Amino acid sequence: MPYDNNSQLPEPVKQALQSESERTRFRGAFNACMYDNNGDETRCFRVGYAAARKAKSSELPVSKALVAA
């Protein structure tokens, strides 16, 4: 299920991702994956966590395109 905002993320995701930018990056990647992969949640959680790790390591600003996805 796609998430409209970070407060809708599951508690384990919120606990694993401390910063709002990590959560936003996770949410954007997860939502995009859900649309592209016919709702395969397992795959999309992996994609989301990978995107969040990249956000954490680079600390780049979050793209508005990712958030809109």
N, C-alpha and C. Protein backbone atom coordinates (compact mmCIF):
# COMPACT_ATOMS: atom_id res chain seq x y z
N MET A 1 0.84 -1.17 0.00
CA MET A 1 0.00 0.00 0.00
C MET A 1 0.88 1.23 0.00
N PRO A 2 0.69 2.13 -0.93
CA PRO A 2 1.47 3.37 -0.95
C PRO A 2 1.13 4.25 0.26
N TYR A 3 2.10 5.04 0.67
CA TYR A 3 1.94 5.92 1.83
C TYR A 3 1.88 7.37 1.36
N ASP A 4 0.90 8.13 1.88
CA ASP A 4 0.74 9.53 1.51
C ASP A 4 1.69 10.45 2.25
N ASN A 5 2.06 10.08 3.47
CA ASN A 5 2.99 10.90 4.25
C ASN A 5 3.77 10.00 5.20
N ASN A 6 4.80 10.55 5.81
CA ASN A 6 5.69 9.76 6.65
C ASN A 6 5.02 9.23 7.92
N SER A 7 4.00 9.90 8.40
CA SER A 7 3.33 9.43 9.62
C SER A 7 2.58 8.12 9.38
N GLN A 8 2.32 7.78 8.12
CA GLN A 8 1.62 6.53 7.80
C GLN A 8 2.57 5.33 7.71
N LEU A 9 3.86 5.57 7.74
CA LEU A 9 4.82 4.46 7.64
C LEU A 9 4.66 3.52 8.83
N PRO A 10 4.90 2.23 8.64
CA PRO A 10 4.82 1.28 9.76
C PRO A 10 5.84 1.61 10.85
N GLU A 11 5.50 1.29 12.07
CA GLU A 11 6.38 1.58 13.22
C GLU A 11 7.79 1.02 13.05
N PRO A 12 7.98 -0.21 12.57
CA PRO A 12 9.36 -0.71 12.40
C PRO A 12 10.18 0.16 11.44
N VAL A 13 9.55 0.71 10.43
CA VAL A 13 10.25 1.59 9.49
C VAL A 13 10.62 2.88 10.20
N LYS A 14 9.70 3.45 10.93
CA LYS A 14 9.97 4.70 11.67
C LYS A 14 11.11 4.51 12.67
N GLN A 15 11.14 3.35 13.32
CA GLN A 15 12.19 3.09 14.30
C GLN A 15 13.54 2.89 13.63
N ALA A 16 13.55 2.27 12.47
CA ALA A 16 14.81 2.00 11.77
C ALA A 16 15.37 3.25 11.11
N LEU A 17 14.50 4.15 10.70
CA LEU A 17 14.93 5.36 9.99
C LEU A 17 14.67 6.57 10.88
N GLN A 18 15.72 7.14 11.41
CA GLN A 18 15.57 8.19 12.41
C GLN A 18 15.24 9.56 11.82
N SER A 19 15.86 9.90 10.69
CA SER A 19 15.67 11.26 10.17
C SER A 19 14.49 11.32 9.21
N GLU A 20 13.91 12.48 9.13
CA GLU A 20 12.77 12.70 8.25
C GLU A 20 13.19 12.54 6.79
N SER A 21 14.41 12.92 6.45
CA SER A 21 14.86 12.76 5.06
C SER A 21 14.99 11.29 4.68
N GLU A 22 15.45 10.45 5.61
CA GLU A 22 15.52 9.02 5.34
C GLU A 22 14.12 8.44 5.13
N ARG A 23 13.18 8.85 5.98
CA ARG A 23 11.82 8.35 5.87
C ARG A 23 11.17 8.80 4.56
N THR A 24 11.43 10.04 4.18
CA THR A 24 10.86 10.56 2.94
C THR A 24 11.45 9.84 1.74
N ARG A 25 12.74 9.60 1.76
CA ARG A 25 13.39 8.87 0.68
C ARG A 25 12.85 7.45 0.60
N PHE A 26 12.70 6.82 1.76
CA PHE A 26 12.11 5.47 1.81
C PHE A 26 10.72 5.48 1.18
N ARG A 27 9.89 6.41 1.61
CA ARG A 27 8.51 6.48 1.15
C ARG A 27 8.42 6.70 -0.36
N GLY A 28 9.23 7.61 -0.88
CA GLY A 28 9.22 7.86 -2.32
C GLY A 28 9.63 6.64 -3.12
N ALA A 29 10.69 5.97 -2.67
CA ALA A 29 11.16 4.78 -3.39
C ALA A 29 10.15 3.64 -3.25
N PHE A 30 9.60 3.47 -2.06
CA PHE A 30 8.61 2.42 -1.83
C PHE A 30 7.39 2.63 -2.72
N ASN A 31 6.86 3.85 -2.73
CA ASN A 31 5.66 4.13 -3.53
C ASN A 31 5.92 3.93 -5.02
N ALA A 32 7.06 4.40 -5.50
CA ALA A 32 7.39 4.22 -6.92
C ALA A 32 7.50 2.74 -7.26
N CYS A 33 8.11 1.98 -6.38
CA CYS A 33 8.25 0.54 -6.60
C CYS A 33 6.89 -0.14 -6.61
N MET A 34 6.00 0.26 -5.73
CA MET A 34 4.67 -0.35 -5.69
C MET A 34 3.93 -0.15 -7.00
N TYR A 35 4.08 1.02 -7.60
CA TYR A 35 3.41 1.28 -8.87
C TYR A 35 4.07 0.51 -10.02
N ASP A 36 5.39 0.36 -9.95
CA ASP A 36 6.14 -0.28 -11.04
C ASP A 36 6.15 -1.81 -10.95
N ASN A 37 5.93 -2.37 -9.77
CA ASN A 37 6.09 -3.81 -9.57
C ASN A 37 4.82 -4.50 -9.10
N ASN A 38 3.69 -3.99 -9.49
CA ASN A 38 2.40 -4.64 -9.20
C ASN A 38 2.19 -4.97 -7.72
N GLY A 39 2.64 -4.09 -6.84
CA GLY A 39 2.35 -4.26 -5.42
C GLY A 39 3.17 -5.30 -4.68
N ASP A 40 4.36 -5.64 -5.16
CA ASP A 40 5.22 -6.61 -4.48
C ASP A 40 5.86 -5.93 -3.27
N GLU A 41 5.19 -6.02 -2.11
CA GLU A 41 5.65 -5.29 -0.92
C GLU A 41 7.03 -5.71 -0.45
N THR A 42 7.33 -6.99 -0.51
CA THR A 42 8.64 -7.46 -0.05
C THR A 42 9.75 -6.77 -0.83
N ARG A 43 9.62 -6.77 -2.14
CA ARG A 43 10.61 -6.11 -2.98
C ARG A 43 10.67 -4.61 -2.70
N CYS A 44 9.51 -4.00 -2.53
CA CYS A 44 9.46 -2.56 -2.35
C CYS A 44 10.02 -2.12 -1.00
N PHE A 45 9.88 -2.93 0.04
CA PHE A 45 10.51 -2.60 1.31
C PHE A 45 12.04 -2.62 1.15
N ARG A 46 12.55 -3.59 0.40
CA ARG A 46 14.01 -3.63 0.17
C ARG A 46 14.46 -2.40 -0.61
N VAL A 47 13.70 -2.03 -1.64
CA VAL A 47 14.04 -0.85 -2.44
C VAL A 47 14.01 0.40 -1.56
N GLY A 48 12.98 0.50 -0.72
CA GLY A 48 12.86 1.66 0.17
C GLY A 48 14.02 1.79 1.14
N TYR A 49 14.40 0.67 1.76
CA TYR A 49 15.52 0.71 2.71
C TYR A 49 16.83 1.04 1.99
N ALA A 50 17.02 0.54 0.79
CA ALA A 50 18.23 0.87 0.02
C ALA A 50 18.28 2.36 -0.27
N ALA A 51 17.16 2.94 -0.65
CA ALA A 51 17.11 4.38 -0.93
C ALA A 51 17.39 5.18 0.34
N ALA A 52 16.86 4.73 1.46
CA ALA A 52 17.09 5.44 2.73
C ALA A 52 18.57 5.38 3.13
N ARG A 53 19.21 4.23 2.91
CA ARG A 53 20.64 4.12 3.22
C ARG A 53 21.45 5.10 2.37
N LYS A 54 21.08 5.23 1.11
CA LYS A 54 21.77 6.19 0.25
C LYS A 54 21.56 7.61 0.74
N ALA A 55 20.36 7.92 1.19
CA ALA A 55 20.08 9.26 1.72
C ALA A 55 20.93 9.53 2.95
N LYS A 56 21.05 8.51 3.79
CA LYS A 56 21.83 8.67 5.01
C LYS A 56 23.32 8.85 4.70
N SER A 57 23.82 8.09 3.75
CA SER A 57 25.24 8.18 3.45
C SER A 57 25.61 9.45 2.69
N SER A 58 24.70 9.95 1.90
CA SER A 58 25.04 11.13 1.09
C SER A 58 24.52 12.43 1.69
N GLU A 59 23.42 12.34 2.46
CA GLU A 59 22.78 13.52 3.04
C GLU A 59 22.47 14.58 1.98
N LEU A 60 22.09 14.12 0.79
CA LEU A 60 21.67 15.04 -0.27
C LEU A 60 20.23 15.45 -0.01
N PRO A 61 19.85 16.62 -0.49
CA PRO A 61 18.45 17.02 -0.32
C PRO A 61 17.52 16.04 -1.03
N VAL A 62 16.34 15.86 -0.50
CA VAL A 62 15.37 14.95 -1.08
C VAL A 62 14.74 15.60 -2.30
N SER A 63 14.71 14.87 -3.38
CA SER A 63 14.13 15.35 -4.61
C SER A 63 12.61 15.42 -4.50
N LYS A 64 12.03 16.51 -4.98
CA LYS A 64 10.58 16.66 -4.96
C LYS A 64 9.93 15.58 -5.83
N ALA A 65 10.64 15.13 -6.87
CA ALA A 65 10.10 14.10 -7.75
C ALA A 65 9.93 12.78 -6.97
N LEU A 66 10.87 12.47 -6.08
CA LEU A 66 10.75 11.26 -5.27
C LEU A 66 9.57 11.32 -4.33
N VAL A 67 9.34 12.50 -3.74
CA VAL A 67 8.28 12.67 -2.78
C VAL A 67 6.93 12.55 -3.46
N ALA A 68 6.82 13.04 -4.67
CA ALA A 68 5.54 13.01 -5.38
C ALA A 68 5.19 11.61 -5.85
N ALA A 69 6.16 10.73 -5.93
CA ALA A 69 5.92 9.38 -6.45
C ALA A 69 5.01 8.58 -5.56
